[in-house]
Amino acid sequence: MIEARHLRVLRAVAGTGSFSAAARELGCTQPAVSQQMKALEQSAGTPLLIRTGREMRLTQAGEALVRHAAGILAGLTAAEEEVAAIAGLRAGRVRLVSFPSGSSTLVPTALAAMRAAHPGTRISLVEAEPPRSVEMLREGDCDLALAFRYGGGAAGAAAEWEDLVVTPLLTDRLVGLVPEGHRLAGAERVGMAELAEEPWIAGCPRCRRHLVEVCEGAGFTPRIDFATDDYPAVVGLVGAGLGVAVLPELAVESVRAKGVSTLAVEPAVEREVVALTLPDLARVPAVAATLGELVRAAAR
């Protein structure tokens, strides 16, 4: 196999005309140059140099190799510089996928900090709810995924994520939403059973399934009149008096809640918000730096 270091020595010999001059240019000994040229000729399977008097002359094969060596070494140098830039966070990219309420709360702070600290790193963002976001990570469509799991389904989610690097970010409490004119609007907290006869507005499919589980745990099956993945739409429907809802605090924080009263829910219902990546990606400097900024954003 032809090695880059041997090509560099061959170019030096071709340019200077002798082993000794090439050794001076490269800062090594003449025997070292001779040894590397022998190794290169063995790899090439043909003579590359002919001694004529005190000078070395290239064979036809040697000329061909020197001609290609320029492009090979230039490409290798460019690759080394690009890799060094990525490793030093002067370049690189991170493809981030997040669920909507994470996109509007945690992500902006983290990405602003990344841009300030590492302006050469490009970060893209697309939105997807789990489990689709987890699938995108495994399929190579993103490098970092924000996801969540509810307390009741932690064991299943742990199995779903067992081959991933899981970084906890925060615990997001669910709160109840009722119209301002509702009979419970002035209360600080509400038991789920007190909402048994209400029409419901439900959120994303995973949140919807969890809502049904929580309500059934309180002894009733919710009558879901409307379902939407759009959190502002959920809040708007509640504000219009069309039903009640339970949403994560992150979702409520990201929406201007008009005509809505927010209540603590009993028993308390929480979801764990995490960042997910693959083990190999976790060692990529730009991914690790973005992950660190997400952790700091969550701590704030």
Protein backbone atom coordinates (compact mmCIF):
# COMPACT_ATOMS: atom_id res chain seq x y z
CA MET A 1 0.00 0.00 0.00
CA ILE A 2 1.34 3.42 -0.97
CA GLU A 3 1.63 5.76 2.02
CA ALA A 4 1.37 9.54 1.95
CA ARG A 5 4.68 9.98 3.79
CA HIS A 6 6.44 8.03 1.04
CA LEU A 7 4.88 10.23 -1.62
CA ARG A 8 6.16 13.34 0.16
CA VAL A 9 9.69 11.91 0.15
CA LEU A 10 9.43 10.98 -3.55
CA ARG A 11 8.39 14.53 -4.44
CA ALA A 12 11.33 15.91 -2.45
CA VAL A 13 13.77 13.60 -4.23
CA ALA A 14 12.28 14.50 -7.61
CA GLY A 15 12.51 18.20 -6.81
CA THR A 16 16.04 18.22 -5.38
CA GLY A 17 17.64 15.48 -7.50
CA SER A 18 19.28 13.49 -4.68
CA PHE A 19 18.62 11.65 -1.46
CA SER A 20 20.89 13.91 0.57
CA ALA A 21 19.28 17.13 -0.69
CA ALA A 22 15.82 15.67 -0.10
CA ALA A 23 16.88 14.71 3.45
CA ARG A 24 17.96 18.31 4.14
CA GLU A 25 14.67 19.65 2.80
CA LEU A 26 12.61 17.20 4.85
CA GLY A 27 14.72 17.53 8.01
CA CYS A 28 15.67 13.87 8.23
CA THR A 29 18.69 11.66 7.44
CA GLN A 30 19.79 10.43 4.03
CA PRO A 31 19.47 6.74 5.08
CA ALA A 32 15.86 7.44 6.14
CA VAL A 33 15.08 8.84 2.69
CA SER A 34 16.72 5.84 1.03
CA GLN A 35 14.78 3.42 3.22
CA GLN A 36 11.44 5.09 2.47
CA MET A 37 12.14 5.06 -1.26
CA LYS A 38 12.86 1.32 -1.12
CA ALA A 39 9.57 0.79 0.74
CA LEU A 40 7.71 2.86 -1.89
CA GLU A 41 9.22 0.91 -4.76
CA GLN A 42 8.22 -2.34 -3.07
CA SER A 43 4.64 -1.06 -2.73
CA ALA A 44 4.60 0.13 -6.36
CA GLY A 45 6.13 -3.12 -7.61
CA THR A 46 8.46 -1.34 -10.03
CA PRO A 47 11.56 0.93 -9.93
CA LEU A 48 10.75 4.62 -9.51
CA LEU A 49 14.26 6.15 -9.50
CA ILE A 50 17.44 5.65 -11.53
CA ARG A 51 20.81 6.95 -10.35
CA THR A 52 22.68 8.90 -13.07
CA GLY A 53 25.99 10.11 -11.74
CA ARG A 54 25.30 12.14 -8.63
CA GLU A 55 21.65 12.74 -9.45
CA MET A 56 18.51 10.65 -9.24
CA ARG A 57 16.24 10.49 -12.28
CA LEU A 58 12.61 9.39 -12.28
CA THR A 59 11.52 6.37 -14.27
CA GLN A 60 8.30 6.57 -16.26
CA ALA A 61 6.47 5.00 -13.32
CA GLY A 62 8.13 7.50 -10.98
CA GLU A 63 7.01 10.42 -13.16
CA ALA A 64 3.44 9.12 -13.15
CA LEU A 65 3.46 8.74 -9.37
CA VAL A 66 4.88 12.22 -8.81
CA ARG A 67 2.26 13.66 -11.14
CA HIS A 68 -0.55 12.06 -9.14
CA ALA A 69 1.14 12.74 -5.80
CA ALA A 70 0.52 16.48 -6.08
CA GLY A 71 -3.24 16.02 -6.18
CA ILE A 72 -3.23 13.26 -3.57
CA LEU A 73 -1.17 15.26 -1.08
CA ALA A 74 -3.14 18.46 -1.73
CA GLY A 75 -6.39 16.59 -1.12
CA LEU A 76 -4.99 15.00 2.03
CA THR A 77 -3.82 18.38 3.34
CA ALA A 78 -7.24 19.87 2.68
CA ALA A 79 -8.89 16.92 4.44
CA GLU A 80 -6.56 17.28 7.44
CA GLU A 81 -7.32 20.99 7.68
CA GLU A 82 -11.07 20.39 7.45
CA VAL A 83 -10.97 17.66 10.09
CA ALA A 84 -8.87 19.91 12.36
CA ALA A 85 -11.42 22.70 11.90
CA ILE A 86 -14.29 20.36 12.79
CA ALA A 87 -12.42 19.00 15.81
CA GLY A 88 -11.66 22.55 16.92
CA LEU A 89 -15.29 23.65 16.40
CA ARG A 90 -14.25 26.15 13.73
CA ALA A 91 -16.44 24.22 11.29
CA GLY A 92 -18.87 21.32 11.20
CA ARG A 93 -22.61 20.80 11.31
CA VAL A 94 -25.23 19.44 13.67
CA ARG A 95 -28.66 18.27 12.47
CA LEU A 96 -31.09 18.70 15.33
CA VAL A 97 -34.67 17.41 15.52
CA SER A 98 -37.01 18.53 18.29
CA PHE A 99 -40.64 18.30 19.31
CA PRO A 100 -42.45 21.66 18.93
CA SER A 101 -42.52 22.85 22.55
CA GLY A 102 -38.81 22.08 22.86
CA SER A 103 -38.15 23.99 19.63
CA SER A 104 -39.75 27.13 21.02
CA THR A 105 -38.25 27.03 24.54
CA LEU A 106 -34.99 25.09 24.94
CA VAL A 107 -33.64 25.17 21.40
CA PRO A 108 -33.43 28.97 20.75
CA THR A 109 -31.32 29.60 23.86
CA ALA A 110 -29.00 26.68 23.12
CA LEU A 111 -28.51 27.58 19.45
CA ALA A 112 -27.89 31.26 20.22
CA ALA A 113 -25.17 30.20 22.67
CA MET A 114 -23.65 27.86 20.07
CA ARG A 115 -23.58 30.58 17.42
CA ALA A 116 -21.90 32.99 19.83
CA ALA A 117 -19.28 30.48 20.97
CA HIS A 118 -18.72 28.58 17.70
CA PRO A 119 -19.88 30.69 14.74
CA GLY A 120 -18.32 28.28 12.23
CA THR A 121 -20.58 25.41 13.29
CA ARG A 122 -23.81 25.15 11.26
CA ILE A 123 -26.90 23.80 13.00
CA SER A 124 -30.12 22.86 11.23
CA LEU A 125 -33.46 22.21 12.91
CA VAL A 126 -36.51 20.19 11.91
CA GLU A 127 -39.51 19.27 14.05
CA ALA A 128 -40.80 15.79 14.81
CA GLU A 129 -42.49 14.17 17.79
CA PRO A 130 -41.19 10.93 19.25
CA PRO A 131 -41.11 8.14 18.20
CA ARG A 132 -40.54 9.59 14.70
CA SER A 133 -37.63 11.72 15.95
CA VAL A 134 -35.95 8.60 17.39
CA GLU A 135 -36.41 6.82 14.07
CA MET A 136 -34.78 9.76 12.28
CA LEU A 137 -31.77 9.52 14.60
CA ARG A 138 -31.33 5.79 13.93
CA GLU A 139 -31.84 6.26 10.17
CA GLY A 140 -29.05 8.85 10.01
CA ASP A 141 -31.36 11.80 9.26
CA CYS A 142 -30.23 13.78 12.32
CA ASP A 143 -27.39 13.89 14.84
CA LEU A 144 -29.27 14.93 17.96
CA ALA A 145 -32.92 14.47 18.93
CA LEU A 146 -34.97 16.06 21.68
CA ALA A 147 -37.59 13.63 22.96
CA PHE A 148 -39.71 12.95 26.02
CA ARG A 149 -41.20 10.08 27.97
CA TYR A 150 -43.97 10.00 30.56
CA GLY A 151 -43.45 8.49 33.99
CA GLY A 152 -45.92 5.67 33.44
CA GLY A 153 -44.18 4.57 30.27
CA ALA A 154 -40.58 4.95 31.44
CA ALA A 155 -39.79 1.25 31.22
CA GLY A 156 -40.98 1.05 27.60
CA ALA A 157 -39.13 4.22 26.65
CA ALA A 158 -35.97 2.96 28.35
CA ALA A 159 -36.12 -0.16 26.18
CA GLU A 160 -36.82 1.97 23.11
CA TRP A 161 -33.71 4.06 23.80
CA GLU A 162 -31.39 1.40 25.25
CA ASP A 163 -28.84 1.65 22.41
CA LEU A 164 -28.72 5.47 22.53
CA VAL A 165 -26.91 8.03 24.66
CA VAL A 166 -29.67 9.56 26.83
CA THR A 167 -29.03 12.96 28.47
CA PRO A 168 -31.81 14.10 30.86
CA LEU A 169 -32.63 17.80 30.42
CA LEU A 170 -35.59 18.57 32.68
CA THR A 171 -38.80 17.28 34.21
CA ASP A 172 -41.81 18.93 32.58
CA ARG A 173 -45.00 19.00 34.66
CA LEU A 174 -48.40 18.76 33.00
CA VAL A 175 -50.97 21.42 33.84
CA GLY A 176 -54.71 21.60 33.29
CA LEU A 177 -56.28 24.22 31.03
CA VAL A 178 -59.89 25.37 31.35
CA PRO A 179 -61.75 28.32 29.80
CA GLU A 180 -61.71 31.49 31.92
CA GLY A 181 -65.44 31.24 32.55
CA HIS A 182 -65.27 27.61 33.62
CA ARG A 183 -66.54 26.56 37.06
CA LEU A 184 -62.98 25.56 38.05
CA ALA A 185 -61.24 28.63 36.62
CA GLY A 186 -60.54 30.17 40.03
CA ALA A 187 -59.09 27.02 41.57
CA GLU A 188 -55.35 26.53 42.10
CA ARG A 189 -55.48 22.79 41.43
CA VAL A 190 -57.88 20.21 40.11
CA GLY A 191 -58.22 16.46 40.44
CA MET A 192 -58.46 14.59 37.15
CA ALA A 193 -61.70 12.94 38.30
CA GLU A 194 -63.33 16.40 38.54
CA LEU A 195 -62.98 16.70 34.73
CA ALA A 196 -64.62 13.37 33.96
CA GLU A 197 -67.70 14.88 32.30
CA GLU A 198 -65.83 17.54 30.31
CA PRO A 199 -65.20 17.51 26.56
CA TRP A 200 -61.45 17.24 25.91
CA ILE A 201 -58.98 18.71 23.44
CA ALA A 202 -56.01 16.36 23.01
CA GLY A 203 -52.50 16.93 21.70
CA CYS A 204 -49.95 14.80 19.81
CA PRO A 205 -50.53 11.02 19.44
CA ARG A 206 -48.13 10.10 22.28
CA CYS A 207 -49.67 12.79 24.52
CA ARG A 208 -53.14 11.59 23.51
CA ARG A 209 -52.39 8.01 24.55
CA HIS A 210 -50.97 9.22 27.83
CA LEU A 211 -54.04 11.41 28.48
CA VAL A 212 -56.31 8.39 28.08
CA GLU A 213 -54.11 6.36 30.47
CA VAL A 214 -54.16 9.10 33.13
CA CYS A 215 -57.93 9.57 32.84
CA GLU A 216 -58.57 5.84 33.01
CA GLY A 217 -56.39 5.75 36.10
CA ALA A 218 -58.73 8.35 37.59
CA GLY A 219 -61.72 6.17 36.79
CA PHE A 220 -63.07 7.53 33.50
CA THR A 221 -62.49 7.54 29.75
CA PRO A 222 -62.15 11.06 28.33
CA ARG A 223 -64.50 12.22 25.59
CA ILE A 224 -62.05 13.70 23.09
CA ASP A 225 -63.90 16.14 20.82
CA PHE A 226 -60.83 17.62 19.13
CA ALA A 227 -57.26 16.38 18.59
CA THR A 228 -54.40 18.40 17.13
CA ASP A 229 -50.60 18.30 17.15
CA ASP A 230 -50.55 22.11 17.27
CA TYR A 231 -50.28 23.39 20.84
CA PRO A 232 -51.48 26.94 20.05
CA ALA A 233 -54.58 25.32 18.50
CA VAL A 234 -55.19 23.34 21.71
CA VAL A 235 -54.97 26.54 23.77
CA GLY A 236 -57.17 28.40 21.30
CA LEU A 237 -59.86 25.71 21.41
CA VAL A 238 -59.86 25.75 25.22
CA GLY A 239 -60.00 29.55 25.24
CA ALA A 240 -63.02 29.42 22.93
CA GLY A 241 -64.84 27.30 25.52
CA LEU A 242 -64.82 24.10 23.47
CA GLY A 243 -63.29 21.86 26.11
CA VAL A 244 -60.50 21.33 28.63
CA ALA A 245 -56.96 20.04 28.13
CA VAL A 246 -53.83 18.92 29.88
CA LEU A 247 -50.57 20.22 28.40
CA PRO A 248 -46.89 20.23 29.39
CA GLU A 249 -45.70 23.47 30.96
CA LEU A 250 -43.15 23.89 28.14
CA ALA A 251 -46.03 23.93 25.65
CA VAL A 252 -48.01 26.47 27.66
CA GLU A 253 -44.91 28.62 28.11
CA SER A 254 -44.46 28.82 24.34
CA VAL A 255 -48.03 30.02 23.67
CA ARG A 256 -49.83 33.25 24.52
CA ALA A 257 -52.67 31.71 26.47
CA LYS A 258 -55.71 33.98 26.03
CA GLY A 259 -59.02 33.20 27.69
CA VAL A 260 -57.51 30.25 29.55
CA SER A 261 -56.93 29.47 33.23
CA THR A 262 -54.06 27.19 34.21
CA LEU A 263 -54.46 24.72 37.09
CA ALA A 264 -52.15 22.29 38.84
CA VAL A 265 -53.26 18.70 38.22
CA GLU A 266 -53.64 16.05 40.93
CA PRO A 267 -52.18 13.52 41.01
CA ALA A 268 -49.12 15.21 39.54
CA VAL A 269 -48.29 14.10 36.01
CA GLU A 270 -44.80 14.64 34.61
CA ARG A 271 -42.76 13.86 31.53
CA GLU A 272 -38.97 13.63 31.29
CA VAL A 273 -37.42 15.70 28.51
CA VAL A 274 -34.15 14.28 27.18
CA ALA A 275 -31.62 14.68 24.39
CA LEU A 276 -30.73 11.55 22.42
CA THR A 277 -27.80 10.75 20.19
CA LEU A 278 -25.83 7.72 19.00
CA PRO A 279 -22.71 6.66 20.94
CA ASP A 280 -20.34 7.48 18.06
CA LEU A 281 -21.99 10.86 17.44
CA ALA A 282 -21.67 11.78 21.12
CA ARG A 283 -17.90 12.01 20.59
CA VAL A 284 -18.20 14.49 17.69
CA PRO A 285 -17.14 17.90 19.11
CA ALA A 286 -19.97 19.92 17.53
CA VAL A 287 -22.61 17.44 18.73
CA ALA A 288 -21.12 17.35 22.24
CA ALA A 289 -21.01 21.16 22.37
CA THR A 290 -24.65 21.47 21.25
CA LEU A 291 -25.66 18.89 23.83
CA GLY A 292 -23.87 20.90 26.52
CA GLU A 293 -25.73 24.07 25.52
CA LEU A 294 -29.07 22.22 25.64
CA VAL A 295 -28.25 21.08 29.18
CA ARG A 296 -27.42 24.67 30.18
CA ALA A 297 -30.58 26.00 28.52
CA ALA A 298 -32.67 23.47 30.46
CA ALA A 299 -30.96 24.45 33.73
CA ARG A 300 -32.00 28.08 33.17
